[in-house]
């Protein structure tokens, strides 16, 4: 019977430098968190099976390493440069002309993935309202915008960690998201995901409630926002998951007698990512492929002290050696 557990399908190595000496016997002298690609014979780089090692001085043995990977089983290799996260900014426009009387101007922030759970069904609203009198001739849209900003700021003040900035301008109200708190294994530190819902609703008369809505307002995407690639928070979260799959998923449950799990990602750093997707074939009568991925995070930082452009030195050296052992063409990062 073949049962594939999560501990069999993924592996993560994290390095700050790359050791270019192909002779593995010299790797013991490499610095902590150094990476090295090693061919099967361990002395020179040749096309064929290979492993990737990570120097890890704070664990028994002093190394982490991948399993032996046969280039013929690799389905694809991708190398992605670090891309900084970008906060999302949405702007409500249309606050121009004459203020409507006896209406409610509404700006509602639809906060996605509240609490960090990544699900489209997990959202809630943060509301801002401004109600105009029947005779609104004395009001300007500067008054309406100031009222909406005040209402939203009061709603956000009740948040445990307010992650939004509200600004107003000529005929507009802008909402900029911040970044969630980061707590390893608990809070992901991603840029906040949100949308806006706008409405201008008629308040009706003394004896009736009107459902009339006016299409005065619209949403402009000022800055789309994205989670980026290779942030320290992302790599630390990935390492947290991988460490549970490879080792003890119930870590920290035996306090105060825990077995400490070593971690190598640093949330304050940034990383380039290399992903190698491959498979292992069962050597039995029923042929079966077990798909795996080796992910390698290489620090996005000046590797040789020579100035601009050197943040790719280590990752490109690893990419060049991967080309040698796999026979595949992999574009350098730049």
Protein backbone atom coordinates (compact mmCIF):
# COMPACT_ATOMS: atom_id res chain seq x y z
CA UNK A 1 0.00 0.00 0.00
CA UNK A 2 1.35 3.40 -0.92
CA UNK A 3 0.44 6.26 1.38
CA UNK A 4 2.09 9.63 0.77
CA UNK A 5 2.31 11.87 3.85
CA UNK A 6 2.87 15.63 3.82
CA UNK A 7 6.37 15.07 5.16
CA UNK A 8 7.34 13.45 1.86
CA UNK A 9 6.37 16.07 -0.68
CA UNK A 10 8.17 19.32 0.15
CA UNK A 11 11.50 20.56 1.41
CA UNK A 12 12.87 24.06 2.08
CA UNK A 13 16.47 25.24 2.32
CA UNK A 14 17.43 28.78 3.31
CA UNK A 15 20.80 30.34 2.58
CA UNK A 16 22.48 33.71 2.76
CA UNK A 17 25.54 32.90 0.63
CA UNK A 18 26.54 30.31 -1.96
CA UNK A 19 29.71 28.23 -1.69
CA UNK A 20 31.09 27.77 -5.18
CA UNK A 21 33.56 24.98 -4.33
CA UNK A 22 32.12 21.75 -5.85
CA UNK A 23 34.24 19.57 -3.52
CA UNK A 24 31.91 18.75 -0.65
CA UNK A 25 34.80 17.86 1.66
CA UNK A 26 35.54 21.59 1.89
CA UNK A 27 31.96 22.55 2.73
CA UNK A 28 32.50 22.00 6.46
CA UNK A 29 34.55 25.21 6.45
CA UNK A 30 31.76 27.24 4.83
CA UNK A 31 29.94 29.88 6.83
CA UNK A 32 26.63 29.29 8.56
CA UNK A 33 23.60 29.43 6.21
CA UNK A 34 25.80 28.85 3.17
CA UNK A 35 24.34 26.77 0.32
CA UNK A 36 26.13 24.23 -1.85
CA UNK A 37 25.05 22.11 -4.80
CA UNK A 38 26.80 18.73 -4.86
CA UNK A 39 26.99 16.17 -7.67
CA UNK A 40 26.72 12.47 -7.02
CA UNK A 41 30.49 11.97 -6.77
CA UNK A 42 30.74 15.00 -4.40
CA UNK A 43 33.96 16.41 -5.85
CA UNK A 44 33.06 17.98 -9.21
CA UNK A 45 29.90 19.19 -10.87
CA UNK A 46 28.72 16.94 -13.69
CA UNK A 47 25.38 16.35 -15.35
CA UNK A 48 23.37 13.90 -13.30
CA UNK A 49 21.85 13.39 -9.86
CA UNK A 50 22.56 16.07 -7.28
CA UNK A 51 21.78 17.30 -3.78
CA UNK A 52 21.61 20.80 -2.30
CA UNK A 53 23.09 21.34 1.16
CA UNK A 54 22.57 24.13 3.68
CA UNK A 55 25.15 24.78 6.40
CA UNK A 56 23.30 24.89 9.73
CA UNK A 57 25.65 25.24 12.68
CA UNK A 58 22.90 25.12 15.32
CA UNK A 59 21.60 21.62 14.53
CA UNK A 60 23.19 18.19 15.09
CA UNK A 61 25.44 17.30 12.19
CA UNK A 62 25.64 20.91 11.03
CA UNK A 63 23.77 20.43 7.72
CA UNK A 64 20.33 20.36 6.15
CA UNK A 65 20.02 18.83 2.70
CA UNK A 66 17.63 17.75 0.00
CA UNK A 67 17.19 14.20 -1.20
CA UNK A 68 19.09 13.07 -4.28
CA UNK A 69 17.34 14.50 -7.35
CA UNK A 70 17.62 12.91 -10.77
CA UNK A 71 17.47 15.59 -13.52
CA UNK A 72 15.33 13.23 -15.64
CA UNK A 73 12.55 13.50 -13.03
CA UNK A 74 12.49 17.31 -12.92
CA UNK A 75 9.33 18.72 -14.48
CA UNK A 76 10.23 22.37 -14.14
CA UNK A 77 12.57 24.79 -12.37
CA UNK A 78 11.58 28.39 -11.68
CA UNK A 79 13.71 31.16 -10.24
CA UNK A 80 11.94 34.30 -9.03
CA UNK A 81 13.57 37.49 -7.81
CA UNK A 82 12.42 39.20 -4.63
CA UNK A 83 9.46 41.51 -5.21
CA UNK A 84 8.45 43.87 -2.44
CA UNK A 85 4.86 43.76 -1.14
CA UNK A 86 2.71 46.71 -2.23
CA UNK A 87 -0.16 48.09 -0.17
CA UNK A 88 -3.57 48.36 -1.83
CA UNK A 89 -5.08 51.83 -2.26
CA UNK A 90 -8.69 52.36 -3.39
CA UNK A 91 -10.25 55.76 -3.97
CA UNK A 92 -13.93 56.68 -3.75
CA UNK A 93 -14.61 59.45 -6.25
CA UNK A 94 -17.71 61.41 -7.26
CA UNK A 95 -18.00 63.77 -4.30
CA UNK A 96 -18.58 66.72 -6.59
CA UNK A 97 -21.43 69.00 -7.60
CA UNK A 98 -24.36 69.52 -5.22
CA UNK A 99 -24.77 67.58 -1.99
CA UNK A 100 -28.01 65.60 -1.96
CA UNK A 101 -30.44 66.26 0.87
CA UNK A 102 -32.01 63.57 3.08
CA UNK A 103 -29.56 60.85 2.03
CA UNK A 104 -26.91 58.69 3.69
CA UNK A 105 -23.47 58.63 2.12
CA UNK A 106 -21.85 55.26 2.86
CA UNK A 107 -18.26 54.06 2.50
CA UNK A 108 -17.76 50.51 3.75
CA UNK A 109 -14.41 48.74 3.90
CA UNK A 110 -14.83 45.06 3.13
CA UNK A 111 -11.94 43.53 5.09
CA UNK A 112 -10.94 40.20 3.54
CA UNK A 113 -9.37 37.25 5.34
CA UNK A 114 -10.05 38.77 8.73
CA UNK A 115 -7.83 37.13 11.33
CA UNK A 116 -5.53 35.71 8.65
CA UNK A 117 -7.67 32.78 7.47
CA UNK A 118 -7.34 32.72 3.68
CA UNK A 119 -10.92 32.20 2.50
CA UNK A 120 -13.16 34.33 0.25
CA UNK A 121 -15.96 33.68 2.74
CA UNK A 122 -14.01 35.20 5.61
CA UNK A 123 -14.74 38.94 5.59
CA UNK A 124 -16.42 41.69 7.57
CA UNK A 125 -17.38 45.32 7.07
CA UNK A 126 -15.95 48.45 8.66
CA UNK A 127 -18.55 51.16 8.16
CA UNK A 128 -18.48 54.92 7.64
CA UNK A 129 -21.66 57.01 7.26
CA UNK A 130 -22.69 60.63 6.79
CA UNK A 131 -26.38 61.61 6.91
CA UNK A 132 -27.49 64.89 5.30
CA UNK A 133 -30.52 66.95 6.36
CA UNK A 134 -33.48 67.50 4.04
CA UNK A 135 -32.14 70.95 3.26
CA UNK A 136 -28.51 70.38 2.37
CA UNK A 137 -27.97 73.70 0.61
CA UNK A 138 -25.54 74.86 3.28
CA UNK A 139 -23.34 71.75 2.97
CA UNK A 140 -20.37 71.22 0.70
CA UNK A 141 -18.71 67.97 -0.23
CA UNK A 142 -15.80 69.00 1.97
CA UNK A 143 -18.26 68.65 4.88
CA UNK A 144 -19.43 65.24 3.63
CA UNK A 145 -15.88 63.97 3.20
CA UNK A 146 -14.83 65.24 6.62
CA UNK A 147 -17.84 63.49 8.16
CA UNK A 148 -17.13 60.21 6.36
CA UNK A 149 -13.46 60.31 7.38
CA UNK A 150 -14.45 61.00 11.00
CA UNK A 151 -16.93 58.10 10.96
CA UNK A 152 -14.42 55.68 9.45
CA UNK A 153 -11.67 56.80 11.84
CA UNK A 154 -13.98 56.14 14.79
CA UNK A 155 -14.82 52.68 13.47
CA UNK A 156 -11.13 51.93 12.93
CA UNK A 157 -10.23 53.19 16.42
CA UNK A 158 -12.13 50.21 17.82
CA UNK A 159 -9.92 47.81 15.88
CA UNK A 160 -7.25 46.01 17.90
CA UNK A 161 -4.72 46.78 15.15
CA UNK A 162 -5.92 49.45 12.75
CA UNK A 163 -4.32 48.76 9.35
CA UNK A 164 -5.96 51.50 7.28
CA UNK A 165 -5.18 55.13 6.52
CA UNK A 166 -8.05 57.38 5.40
CA UNK A 167 -7.30 60.55 3.44
CA UNK A 168 -9.52 63.04 1.62
CA UNK A 169 -8.97 65.44 -1.24
CA UNK A 170 -10.92 67.38 -3.84
CA UNK A 171 -13.96 65.16 -4.48
CA UNK A 172 -12.27 61.95 -3.29
CA UNK A 173 -11.76 59.74 -0.26
CA UNK A 174 -8.83 57.30 -0.34
CA UNK A 175 -8.35 54.15 1.74
CA UNK A 176 -4.85 52.68 2.00
CA UNK A 177 -4.31 49.28 3.60
CA UNK A 178 -1.33 48.51 5.79
CA UNK A 179 0.28 45.20 6.72
CA UNK A 180 -0.98 42.68 9.22
CA UNK A 181 1.01 41.92 12.33
CA UNK A 182 3.49 39.05 12.04
CA UNK A 183 3.70 36.36 14.71
CA UNK A 184 5.46 33.18 13.58
CA UNK A 185 2.98 30.35 13.14
CA UNK A 186 0.03 32.57 14.11
CA UNK A 187 -0.18 35.83 12.13
CA UNK A 188 1.03 35.91 8.56
CA UNK A 189 2.18 39.53 8.17
CA UNK A 190 0.61 39.85 4.70
CA UNK A 191 -0.54 43.18 3.22
CA UNK A 192 -4.19 43.68 4.15
CA UNK A 193 -6.67 42.65 1.44
CA UNK A 194 -9.85 44.69 1.15
CA UNK A 195 -12.45 46.14 -1.15
CA UNK A 196 -14.80 49.12 -0.93
CA UNK A 197 -18.57 49.30 -1.18
CA UNK A 198 -20.13 52.70 -1.79
CA UNK A 199 -23.70 53.89 -1.68
CA UNK A 200 -25.84 57.02 -1.59
CA UNK A 201 -29.22 56.00 -0.13
CA UNK A 202 -32.37 58.07 0.07
CA UNK A 203 -33.62 58.23 3.66
CA UNK A 204 -37.29 58.48 2.69
CA UNK A 205 -40.02 60.60 4.30
CA UNK A 206 -41.64 60.69 7.72
CA UNK A 207 -43.99 57.81 6.99
CA UNK A 208 -42.14 55.83 4.33
CA UNK A 209 -38.72 54.31 3.85
CA UNK A 210 -37.30 54.78 0.41
CA UNK A 211 -35.04 52.20 -1.26
CA UNK A 212 -33.82 54.67 -3.86
CA UNK A 213 -30.09 54.56 -4.48
CA UNK A 214 -28.08 57.06 -6.47
CA UNK A 215 -25.09 56.10 -8.60
CA UNK A 216 -23.10 59.20 -7.69
CA UNK A 217 -19.96 57.47 -6.44
CA UNK A 218 -17.43 55.17 -8.08
CA UNK A 219 -14.28 53.30 -7.10
CA UNK A 220 -10.87 53.95 -8.64
CA UNK A 221 -8.04 51.49 -8.09
CA UNK A 222 -5.19 53.86 -7.26
CA UNK A 223 -2.75 51.06 -6.39
CA UNK A 224 -3.72 47.44 -6.95
CA UNK A 225 -1.44 46.01 -4.28
CA UNK A 226 0.14 42.57 -4.12
CA UNK A 227 1.70 40.28 -1.54
CA UNK A 228 5.09 40.32 -3.28
CA UNK A 229 7.53 37.43 -3.53
CA UNK A 230 10.16 36.35 -1.04
CA UNK A 231 9.43 38.66 1.87
CA UNK A 232 10.91 37.58 5.18
CA UNK A 233 7.42 37.00 6.56
CA UNK A 234 6.50 34.72 3.65
CA UNK A 235 9.66 32.63 3.93
CA UNK A 236 9.36 32.41 7.72
CA UNK A 237 5.76 31.22 7.38
CA UNK A 238 6.79 28.68 4.75
CA UNK A 239 9.59 27.43 6.98
CA UNK A 240 7.16 27.13 9.91
CA UNK A 241 4.89 24.88 7.83
CA UNK A 242 7.75 22.84 6.38
CA UNK A 243 9.32 22.35 9.81
CA UNK A 244 6.09 20.86 11.07
CA UNK A 245 5.76 18.57 8.05
CA UNK A 246 9.39 17.41 8.15
CA UNK A 247 9.73 17.21 11.93
CA UNK A 248 7.25 17.69 14.75
CA UNK A 249 3.91 19.18 13.77
CA UNK A 250 2.95 19.19 17.47
CA UNK A 251 5.93 21.31 18.52
CA UNK A 252 5.40 23.64 21.48
CA UNK A 253 2.66 21.35 22.77
CA UNK A 254 4.82 19.84 25.52
CA UNK A 255 5.71 23.07 27.32
CA UNK A 256 7.85 23.47 29.38
CA UNK A 257 9.62 20.35 28.07
CA UNK A 258 9.62 21.26 24.38
CA UNK A 259 12.15 20.06 21.86
CA UNK A 260 13.16 23.36 20.28
CA UNK A 261 12.73 23.53 16.51
CA UNK A 262 15.52 25.47 14.72
CA UNK A 263 14.46 28.19 12.27
CA UNK A 264 16.66 29.90 9.71
CA UNK A 265 14.41 32.43 7.96
CA UNK A 266 14.60 35.97 9.29
CA UNK A 267 11.45 38.11 8.90
CA UNK A 268 13.62 41.21 8.59
CA UNK A 269 15.40 39.87 5.50
CA UNK A 270 14.19 39.35 1.93
CA UNK A 271 14.82 36.39 -0.38
CA UNK A 272 14.95 35.19 -3.97
CA UNK A 273 13.19 31.87 -4.53
CA UNK A 274 14.12 28.80 -6.59
CA UNK A 275 11.49 26.06 -6.97
CA UNK A 276 12.38 22.63 -8.33
CA UNK A 277 9.36 20.42 -9.06
CA UNK A 278 10.21 16.76 -9.58
CA UNK A 279 9.02 13.27 -8.73
CA UNK A 280 10.25 10.01 -7.28
CA UNK A 281 9.20 6.84 -9.06
CA UNK A 282 8.29 3.75 -7.07
CA UNK A 283 10.34 0.70 -7.95
CA UNK A 284 7.51 -1.80 -7.64
CA UNK A 285 5.16 -3.57 -10.00
CA UNK A 286 2.60 -0.78 -9.80
CA UNK A 287 4.37 2.23 -11.25
CA UNK A 288 3.60 5.41 -9.37
CA UNK A 289 5.07 8.88 -9.29
CA UNK A 290 5.37 10.74 -6.01
CA UNK A 291 5.58 14.45 -6.75
CA UNK A 292 7.91 16.63 -4.69
CA UNK A 293 9.15 20.21 -4.61
CA UNK A 294 12.46 21.57 -3.37
CA UNK A 295 12.27 25.26 -2.53
CA UNK A 296 15.47 27.23 -1.99
CA UNK A 297 15.40 30.74 -0.49
CA UNK A 298 18.54 32.77 -1.16
CA UNK A 299 19.04 36.07 0.67
CA UNK A 300 18.42 39.21 -1.38
CA UNK A 301 21.43 41.15 -0.14
CA UNK A 302 24.85 42.37 -1.23
CA UNK A 303 26.94 39.22 -1.45
CA UNK A 304 30.38 40.65 -2.27
CA UNK A 305 30.38 44.21 -1.00
CA UNK A 306 30.89 45.64 -4.47
CA UNK A 307 27.77 47.80 -4.50
CA UNK A 308 24.67 47.96 -6.70
CA UNK A 309 23.60 44.88 -8.61
CA UNK A 310 25.32 42.34 -6.37
CA UNK A 311 22.19 41.12 -4.58
CA UNK A 312 21.94 38.42 -7.27
CA UNK A 313 25.48 37.06 -6.89
CA UNK A 314 24.63 34.04 -4.73
CA UNK A 315 21.35 33.07 -6.37
CA UNK A 316 22.80 33.32 -9.90
CA UNK A 317 25.81 31.21 -8.90
CA UNK A 318 23.39 28.52 -7.70
CA UNK A 319 21.34 28.86 -10.90
CA UNK A 320 24.48 28.43 -13.04
CA UNK A 321 25.44 25.25 -11.17
CA UNK A 322 21.89 23.92 -11.53
CA UNK A 323 22.23 24.38 -15.27
CA UNK A 324 25.38 22.24 -15.22
CA UNK A 325 23.86 19.31 -13.34
CA UNK A 326 20.40 19.38 -14.94
CA UNK A 327 21.27 20.35 -18.51
CA UNK A 328 18.37 22.82 -18.44
CA UNK A 329 18.45 26.51 -19.31
CA UNK A 330 17.49 28.72 -16.38
CA UNK A 331 17.52 32.49 -16.80
CA UNK A 332 19.69 34.41 -14.35
CA UNK A 333 17.91 36.86 -12.07
CA UNK A 334 18.52 40.55 -12.50
